[in-house]
Amino acid sequence: MASIFSRTNKNGSMVYRVIIRRKNTPLLSMTFETEKDAKKWVEDHEEKYIIDPTFYIENYKSERLIQRRKREFNRKKI
């Protein structure tokens, strides 16, 4: 089961961290700007991660990079 935690950045903005912990599999965490995005990602990916965690470990870095660039782009727009 995934857990979603909210936290406040140093600049005062809220971010939401998704953590998926399963016994005998590596921990997976992602950070999102909105709770809606975090919940949608959990719905789309949690079951797939549990079935085949090696696929997500291989593609984990690229997914995090995409999310980071999306957040940076949104900050520059403001």
PDB file of N, CA and C in Angstrom:
ATOM      1  N   MET A   1       0.826  -1.169   0.000  1.00  0.00           N
ATOM      2  CA  MET A   1       0.000   0.000   0.000  1.00  0.00           C
ATOM      3  C   MET A   1       0.875   1.239   0.000  1.00  0.00           C
ATOM      4  N   ALA A   2       0.479   2.220  -0.764  1.00  0.00           N
ATOM      5  CA  ALA A   2       1.233   3.462  -0.863  1.00  0.00           C
ATOM      6  C   ALA A   2       0.816   4.431   0.229  1.00  0.00           C
ATOM      7  N   SER A   3       1.764   5.255   0.634  1.00  0.00           N
ATOM      8  CA  SER A   3       1.489   6.317   1.600  1.00  0.00           C
ATOM      9  C   SER A   3       1.789   7.645   0.937  1.00  0.00           C
ATOM     10  N   ILE A   4       0.968   8.652   1.229  1.00  0.00           N
ATOM     11  CA  ILE A   4       1.184   9.987   0.690  1.00  0.00           C
ATOM     12  C   ILE A   4       1.386  10.927   1.865  1.00  0.00           C
ATOM     13  N   PHE A   5       2.525  11.617   1.864  1.00  0.00           N
ATOM     14  CA  PHE A   5       2.864  12.565   2.913  1.00  0.00           C
ATOM     15  C   PHE A   5       2.973  13.958   2.311  1.00  0.00           C
ATOM     16  N   SER A   6       2.474  14.955   3.026  1.00  0.00           N
ATOM     17  CA  SER A   6       2.644  16.333   2.567  1.00  0.00           C
ATOM     18  C   SER A   6       3.775  16.961   3.362  1.00  0.00           C
ATOM     19  N   ARG A   7       4.496  17.851   2.708  1.00  0.00           N
ATOM     20  CA  ARG A   7       5.558  18.568   3.405  1.00  0.00           C
ATOM     21  C   ARG A   7       5.685  19.953   2.808  1.00  0.00           C
ATOM     22  N   THR A   8       6.254  20.848   3.548  1.00  0.00           N
ATOM     23  CA  THR A   8       6.450  22.221   3.107  1.00  0.00           C
ATOM     24  C   THR A   8       7.920  22.417   2.777  1.00  0.00           C
ATOM     25  N   ASN A   9       8.170  22.940   1.584  1.00  0.00           N
ATOM     26  CA  ASN A   9       9.533  23.256   1.187  1.00  0.00           C
ATOM     27  C   ASN A   9      10.025  24.494   1.918  1.00  0.00           C
ATOM     28  N   LYS A  10      11.316  24.780   1.796  1.00  0.00           N
ATOM     29  CA  LYS A  10      11.882  25.969   2.420  1.00  0.00           C
ATOM     30  C   LYS A  10      11.245  27.251   1.894  1.00  0.00           C
ATOM     31  N   ASN A  11      10.805  27.223   0.637  1.00  0.00           N
ATOM     32  CA  ASN A  11      10.195  28.419   0.056  1.00  0.00           C
ATOM     33  C   ASN A  11       8.709  28.540   0.399  1.00  0.00           C
ATOM     34  N   GLY A  12       8.160  27.622   1.175  1.00  0.00           N
ATOM     35  CA  GLY A  12       6.784  27.686   1.619  1.00  0.00           C
ATOM     36  C   GLY A  12       5.795  26.914   0.765  1.00  0.00           C
ATOM     37  N   SER A  13       6.222  26.370  -0.343  1.00  0.00           N
ATOM     38  CA  SER A  13       5.310  25.612  -1.203  1.00  0.00           C
ATOM     39  C   SER A  13       5.110  24.200  -0.654  1.00  0.00           C
ATOM     40  N   MET A  14       3.941  23.650  -0.917  1.00  0.00           N
ATOM     41  CA  MET A  14       3.617  22.289  -0.469  1.00  0.00           C
ATOM     42  C   MET A  14       3.967  21.294  -1.566  1.00  0.00           C
ATOM     43  N   VAL A  15       4.517  20.166  -1.177  1.00  0.00           N
ATOM     44  CA  VAL A  15       4.750  19.051  -2.087  1.00  0.00           C
ATOM     45  C   VAL A  15       4.225  17.791  -1.426  1.00  0.00           C
ATOM     46  N   TYR A  16       3.951  16.804  -2.251  1.00  0.00           N
ATOM     47  CA  TYR A  16       3.382  15.547  -1.767  1.00  0.00           C
ATOM     48  C   TYR A  16       4.292  14.408  -2.188  1.00  0.00           C
ATOM     49  N   ARG A  17       4.717  13.620  -1.211  1.00  0.00           N
ATOM     50  CA  ARG A  17       5.621  12.505  -1.474  1.00  0.00           C
ATOM     51  C   ARG A  17       4.846  11.202  -1.368  1.00  0.00           C
ATOM     52  N   VAL A  18       4.985  10.390  -2.404  1.00  0.00           N
ATOM     53  CA  VAL A  18       4.383   9.063  -2.430  1.00  0.00           C
ATOM     54  C   VAL A  18       5.481   8.062  -2.118  1.00  0.00           C
ATOM     55  N   ILE A  19       5.217   7.183  -1.177  1.00  0.00           N
ATOM     56  CA  ILE A  19       6.169   6.127  -0.830  1.00  0.00           C
ATOM     57  C   ILE A  19       5.453   4.791  -0.912  1.00  0.00           C
ATOM     58  N   ILE A  20       6.037   3.874  -1.676  1.00  0.00           N
ATOM     59  CA  ILE A  20       5.511   2.511  -1.765  1.00  0.00           C
ATOM     60  C   ILE A  20       6.523   1.597  -1.097  1.00  0.00           C
ATOM     61  N   ARG A  21       6.076   0.949  -0.024  1.00  0.00           N
ATOM     62  CA  ARG A  21       6.918   0.002   0.712  1.00  0.00           C
ATOM     63  C   ARG A  21       6.267  -1.361   0.660  1.00  0.00           C
ATOM     64  N   ARG A  22       7.024  -2.320   0.233  1.00  0.00           N
ATOM     65  CA  ARG A  22       6.561  -3.710   0.234  1.00  0.00           C
ATOM     66  C   ARG A  22       7.698  -4.574   0.761  1.00  0.00           C
ATOM     67  N   LYS A  23       7.348  -5.627   1.427  1.00  0.00           N
ATOM     68  CA  LYS A  23       8.350  -6.541   1.947  1.00  0.00           C
ATOM     69  C   LYS A  23       9.100  -7.179   0.779  1.00  0.00           C
ATOM     70  N   ASN A  24      10.407  -7.255   0.903  1.00  0.00           N
ATOM     71  CA  ASN A  24      11.301  -7.881  -0.082  1.00  0.00           C
ATOM     72  C   ASN A  24      11.349  -7.138  -1.422  1.00  0.00           C
ATOM     73  N   THR A  25      10.969  -5.877  -1.451  1.00  0.00           N
ATOM     74  CA  THR A  25      11.139  -5.050  -2.651  1.00  0.00           C
ATOM     75  C   THR A  25      11.742  -3.719  -2.235  1.00  0.00           C
ATOM     76  N   PRO A  26      12.486  -3.085  -3.117  1.00  0.00           N
ATOM     77  CA  PRO A  26      13.062  -1.787  -2.785  1.00  0.00           C
ATOM     78  C   PRO A  26      11.980  -0.730  -2.591  1.00  0.00           C
ATOM     79  N   LEU A  27      12.247   0.219  -1.730  1.00  0.00           N
ATOM     80  CA  LEU A  27      11.337   1.329  -1.497  1.00  0.00           C
ATOM     81  C   LEU A  27      11.293   2.212  -2.741  1.00  0.00           C
ATOM     82  N   LEU A  28      10.121   2.709  -3.078  1.00  0.00           N
ATOM     83  CA  LEU A  28       9.953   3.599  -4.219  1.00  0.00           C
ATOM     84  C   LEU A  28       9.279   4.862  -3.739  1.00  0.00           C
ATOM     85  N   SER A  29       9.865   6.034  -4.058  1.00  0.00           N
ATOM     86  CA  SER A  29       9.230   7.289  -3.675  1.00  0.00           C
ATOM     87  C   SER A  29       9.271   8.259  -4.843  1.00  0.00           C
ATOM     88  N   MET A  30       8.231   9.068  -4.919  1.00  0.00           N
ATOM     89  CA  MET A  30       8.104  10.108  -5.945  1.00  0.00           C
ATOM     90  C   MET A  30       7.547  11.344  -5.261  1.00  0.00           C
ATOM     91  N   THR A  31       7.850  12.520  -5.807  1.00  0.00           N
ATOM     92  CA  THR A  31       7.365  13.769  -5.249  1.00  0.00           C
ATOM     93  C   THR A  31       6.539  14.503  -6.291  1.00  0.00           C
ATOM     94  N   PHE A  32       5.410  15.055  -5.855  1.00  0.00           N
ATOM     95  CA  PHE A  32       4.483  15.742  -6.762  1.00  0.00           C
ATOM     96  C   PHE A  32       4.074  17.085  -6.169  1.00  0.00           C
ATOM     97  N   GLU A  33       3.676  18.014  -7.036  1.00  0.00           N
ATOM     98  CA  GLU A  33       3.250  19.334  -6.583  1.00  0.00           C
ATOM     99  C   GLU A  33       1.829  19.346  -6.050  1.00  0.00           C
ATOM    100  N   THR A  34       0.976  18.461  -6.547  1.00  0.00           N
ATOM    101  CA  THR A  34      -0.409  18.439  -6.086  1.00  0.00           C
ATOM    102  C   THR A  34      -0.763  17.052  -5.559  1.00  0.00           C
ATOM    103  N   GLU A  35      -1.675  17.038  -4.624  1.00  0.00           N
ATOM    104  CA  GLU A  35      -2.129  15.761  -4.072  1.00  0.00           C
ATOM    105  C   GLU A  35      -2.884  14.960  -5.132  1.00  0.00           C
ATOM    106  N   LYS A  36      -3.568  15.657  -6.005  1.00  0.00           N
ATOM    107  CA  LYS A  36      -4.303  14.996  -7.090  1.00  0.00           C
ATOM    108  C   LYS A  36      -3.345  14.223  -7.996  1.00  0.00           C
ATOM    109  N   ASP A  37      -2.212  14.842  -8.354  1.00  0.00           N
ATOM    110  CA  ASP A  37      -1.213  14.159  -9.183  1.00  0.00           C
ATOM    111  C   ASP A  37      -0.639  12.943  -8.456  1.00  0.00           C
ATOM    112  N   ALA A  38      -0.401  13.087  -7.163  1.00  0.00           N
ATOM    113  CA  ALA A  38       0.153  11.982  -6.380  1.00  0.00           C
ATOM    114  C   ALA A  38      -0.813  10.805  -6.342  1.00  0.00           C
ATOM    115  N   LYS A  39      -2.097  11.087  -6.083  1.00  0.00           N
ATOM    116  CA  LYS A  39      -3.088  10.011  -6.030  1.00  0.00           C
ATOM    117  C   LYS A  39      -3.262   9.344  -7.386  1.00  0.00           C
ATOM    118  N   LYS A  40      -3.243  10.135  -8.453  1.00  0.00           N
ATOM    119  CA  LYS A  40      -3.379   9.572  -9.795  1.00  0.00           C
ATOM    120  C   LYS A  40      -2.197   8.655 -10.108  1.00  0.00           C
ATOM    121  N   TRP A  41      -0.981   9.085  -9.739  1.00  0.00           N
ATOM    122  CA  TRP A  41       0.202   8.269  -9.994  1.00  0.00           C
ATOM    123  C   TRP A  41       0.110   6.955  -9.228  1.00  0.00           C
ATOM    124  N   VAL A  42      -0.356   7.008  -7.983  1.00  0.00           N
ATOM    125  CA  VAL A  42      -0.504   5.788  -7.181  1.00  0.00           C
ATOM    126  C   VAL A  42      -1.490   4.840  -7.850  1.00  0.00           C
ATOM    127  N   GLU A  43      -2.622   5.376  -8.274  1.00  0.00           N
ATOM    128  CA  GLU A  43      -3.640   4.532  -8.918  1.00  0.00           C
ATOM    129  C   GLU A  43      -3.091   3.867 -10.179  1.00  0.00           C
ATOM    130  N   ASP A  44      -2.290   4.604 -10.937  1.00  0.00           N
ATOM    131  CA  ASP A  44      -1.772   4.083 -12.200  1.00  0.00           C
ATOM    132  C   ASP A  44      -0.594   3.133 -12.023  1.00  0.00           C
ATOM    133  N   HIS A  45       0.215   3.316 -10.982  1.00  0.00           N
ATOM    134  CA  HIS A  45       1.499   2.627 -10.923  1.00  0.00           C
ATOM    135  C   HIS A  45       1.710   1.666  -9.757  1.00  0.00           C
ATOM    136  N   GLU A  46       0.961   1.788  -8.689  1.00  0.00           N
ATOM    137  CA  GLU A  46       1.255   0.966  -7.511  1.00  0.00           C
ATOM    138  C   GLU A  46       1.160  -0.532  -7.813  1.00  0.00           C
ATOM    139  N   GLU A  47       0.096  -0.950  -8.418  1.00  0.00           N
ATOM    140  CA  GLU A  47      -0.076  -2.376  -8.699  1.00  0.00           C
ATOM    141  C   GLU A  47       0.991  -2.891  -9.660  1.00  0.00           C
ATOM    142  N   LYS A  48       1.324  -2.082 -10.669  1.00  0.00           N
ATOM    143  CA  LYS A  48       2.362  -2.480 -11.628  1.00  0.00           C
ATOM    144  C   LYS A  48       3.715  -2.619 -10.931  1.00  0.00           C
ATOM    145  N   TYR A  49       4.004  -1.707  -9.990  1.00  0.00           N
ATOM    146  CA  TYR A  49       5.266  -1.790  -9.256  1.00  0.00           C
ATOM    147  C   TYR A  49       5.332  -3.058  -8.416  1.00  0.00           C
ATOM    148  N   ILE A  50       4.239  -3.400  -7.777  1.00  0.00           N
ATOM    149  CA  ILE A  50       4.207  -4.589  -6.932  1.00  0.00           C
ATOM    150  C   ILE A  50       4.412  -5.851  -7.765  1.00  0.00           C
ATOM    151  N   ILE A  51       3.835  -5.888  -8.975  1.00  0.00           N
ATOM    152  CA  ILE A  51       3.967  -7.049  -9.847  1.00  0.00           C
ATOM    153  C   ILE A  51       5.384  -7.187 -10.383  1.00  0.00           C
ATOM    154  N   ASP A  52       5.981  -6.062 -10.844  1.00  0.00           N
ATOM    155  CA  ASP A  52       7.320  -6.123 -11.451  1.00  0.00           C
ATOM    156  C   ASP A  52       8.174  -4.944 -10.986  1.00  0.00           C
ATOM    157  N   PRO A  53       8.751  -5.023  -9.782  1.00  0.00           N
ATOM    158  CA  PRO A  53       9.534  -3.891  -9.271  1.00  0.00           C
ATOM    159  C   PRO A  53      10.817  -3.634 -10.059  1.00  0.00           C
ATOM    160  N   THR A  54      11.372  -4.639 -10.716  1.00  0.00           N
ATOM    161  CA  THR A  54      12.612  -4.419 -11.466  1.00  0.00           C
ATOM    162  C   THR A  54      12.404  -3.455 -12.629  1.00  0.00           C
ATOM    163  N   PHE A  55      11.248  -3.477 -13.267  1.00  0.00           N
ATOM    164  CA  PHE A  55      10.948  -2.540 -14.338  1.00  0.00           C
ATOM    165  C   PHE A  55      10.987  -1.107 -13.818  1.00  0.00           C
ATOM    166  N   TYR A  56      10.391  -0.877 -12.655  1.00  0.00           N
ATOM    167  CA  TYR A  56      10.354   0.472 -12.098  1.00  0.00           C
ATOM    168  C   TYR A  56      11.717   0.929 -11.611  1.00  0.00           C
ATOM    169  N   ILE A  57      12.505   0.027 -11.072  1.00  0.00           N
ATOM    170  CA  ILE A  57      13.846   0.403 -10.636  1.00  0.00           C
ATOM    171  C   ILE A  57      14.673   0.851 -11.832  1.00  0.00           C
ATOM    172  N   GLU A  58      14.548   0.163 -12.962  1.00  0.00           N
ATOM    173  CA  GLU A  58      15.286   0.536 -14.164  1.00  0.00           C
ATOM    174  C   GLU A  58      14.836   1.884 -14.711  1.00  0.00           C
ATOM    175  N   ASN A  59      13.532   2.174 -14.640  1.00  0.00           N
ATOM    176  CA  ASN A  59      12.987   3.405 -15.210  1.00  0.00           C
ATOM    177  C   ASN A  59      12.735   4.491 -14.166  1.00  0.00           C
ATOM    178  N   TYR A  60      13.133   4.240 -12.952  1.00  0.00           N
ATOM    179  CA  TYR A  60      12.878   5.133 -11.834  1.00  0.00           C
ATOM    180  C   TYR A  60      13.534   6.498 -12.025  1.00  0.00           C
ATOM    181  N   LYS A  61      14.792   6.503 -12.423  1.00  0.00           N
ATOM    182  CA  LYS A  61      15.513   7.764 -12.560  1.00  0.00           C
ATOM    183  C   LYS A  61      14.911   8.653 -13.633  1.00  0.00           C
ATOM    184  N   SER A  62      14.503   8.085 -14.738  1.00  0.00           N
ATOM    185  CA  SER A  62      13.922   8.901 -15.802  1.00  0.00           C
ATOM    186  C   SER A  62      12.574   9.477 -15.378  1.00  0.00           C
ATOM    187  N   GLU A  63      11.775   8.709 -14.663  1.00  0.00           N
ATOM    188  CA  GLU A  63      10.476   9.193 -14.183  1.00  0.00           C
ATOM    189  C   GLU A  63      10.661  10.348 -13.203  1.00  0.00           C
ATOM    190  N   ARG A  64      11.620  10.218 -12.290  1.00  0.00           N
ATOM    191  CA  ARG A  64      11.889  11.296 -11.329  1.00  0.00           C
ATOM    192  C   ARG A  64      12.399  12.536 -12.031  1.00  0.00           C
ATOM    193  N   LEU A  65      13.229  12.359 -13.049  1.00  0.00           N
ATOM    194  CA  LEU A  65      13.753  13.504 -13.798  1.00  0.00           C
ATOM    195  C   LEU A  65      12.625  14.236 -14.512  1.00  0.00           C
ATOM    196  N   ILE A  66      11.701  13.494 -15.086  1.00  0.00           N
ATOM    197  CA  ILE A  66      10.552  14.111 -15.758  1.00  0.00           C
ATOM    198  C   ILE A  66       9.736  14.924 -14.766  1.00  0.00           C
ATOM    199  N   GLN A  67       9.472  14.370 -13.591  1.00  0.00           N
ATOM    200  CA  GLN A  67       8.697  15.088 -12.573  1.00  0.00           C
ATOM    201  C   GLN A  67       9.429  16.335 -12.091  1.00  0.00           C
ATOM    202  N   ARG A  68      10.741  16.247 -11.909  1.00  0.00           N
ATOM    203  CA  ARG A  68      11.524  17.399 -11.456  1.00  0.00           C
ATOM    204  C   ARG A  68      11.492  18.516 -12.490  1.00  0.00           C
ATOM    205  N   ARG A  69      11.668  18.166 -13.751  1.00  0.00           N
ATOM    206  CA  ARG A  69      11.636  19.182 -14.806  1.00  0.00           C
ATOM    207  C   ARG A  69      10.266  19.816 -14.924  1.00  0.00           C
ATOM    208  N   LYS A  70       9.221  19.031 -14.717  1.00  0.00           N
ATOM    209  CA  LYS A  70       7.861  19.565 -14.754  1.00  0.00           C
ATOM    210  C   LYS A  70       7.666  20.600 -13.645  1.00  0.00           C
ATOM    211  N   ARG A  71       8.156  20.297 -12.433  1.00  0.00           N
ATOM    212  CA  ARG A  71       8.043  21.248 -11.324  1.00  0.00           C
ATOM    213  C   ARG A  71       8.845  22.514 -11.607  1.00  0.00           C
ATOM    214  N   GLU A  72      10.059  22.375 -12.130  1.00  0.00           N
ATOM    215  CA  GLU A  72      10.892  23.541 -12.427  1.00  0.00           C
ATOM    216  C   GLU A  72      10.243  24.412 -13.504  1.00  0.00           C
ATOM    217  N   PHE A  73       9.669  23.790 -14.500  1.00  0.00           N
ATOM    218  CA  PHE A  73       9.001  24.540 -15.570  1.00  0.00           C
ATOM    219  C   PHE A  73       7.811  25.314 -15.026  1.00  0.00           C
ATOM    220  N   ASN A  74       7.030  24.694 -14.135  1.00  0.00           N
ATOM    221  CA  ASN A  74       5.880  25.369 -13.540  1.00  0.00           C
ATOM    222  C   ASN A  74       6.300  26.549 -12.685  1.00  0.00           C
ATOM    223  N   ARG A  75       7.436  26.454 -11.989  1.00  0.00           N
ATOM    224  CA  ARG A  75       7.912  27.567 -11.172  1.00  0.00           C
ATOM    225  C   ARG A  75       8.357  28.736 -12.050  1.00  0.00           C
ATOM    226  N   LYS A  76       8.973  28.434 -13.187  1.00  0.00           N
ATOM    227  CA  LYS A  76       9.450  29.496 -14.071  1.00  0.00           C
ATOM    228  C   LYS A  76       8.287  30.225 -14.752  1.00  0.00           C
ATOM    229  N   LYS A  77       7.175  29.538 -14.950  1.00  0.00           N
ATOM    230  CA  LYS A  77       6.012  30.152 -15.575  1.00  0.00           C
ATOM    231  C   LYS A  77       5.416  31.251 -14.702  1.00  0.00           C
ATOM    232  N   ILE A  78       5.503  31.092 -13.400  1.00  0.00           N
ATOM    233  CA  ILE A  78       4.853  32.022 -12.470  1.00  0.00           C
ATOM    234  C   ILE A  78       5.541  33.338 -12.426  1.00  0.00           C
TER     235      ILE A  78
END
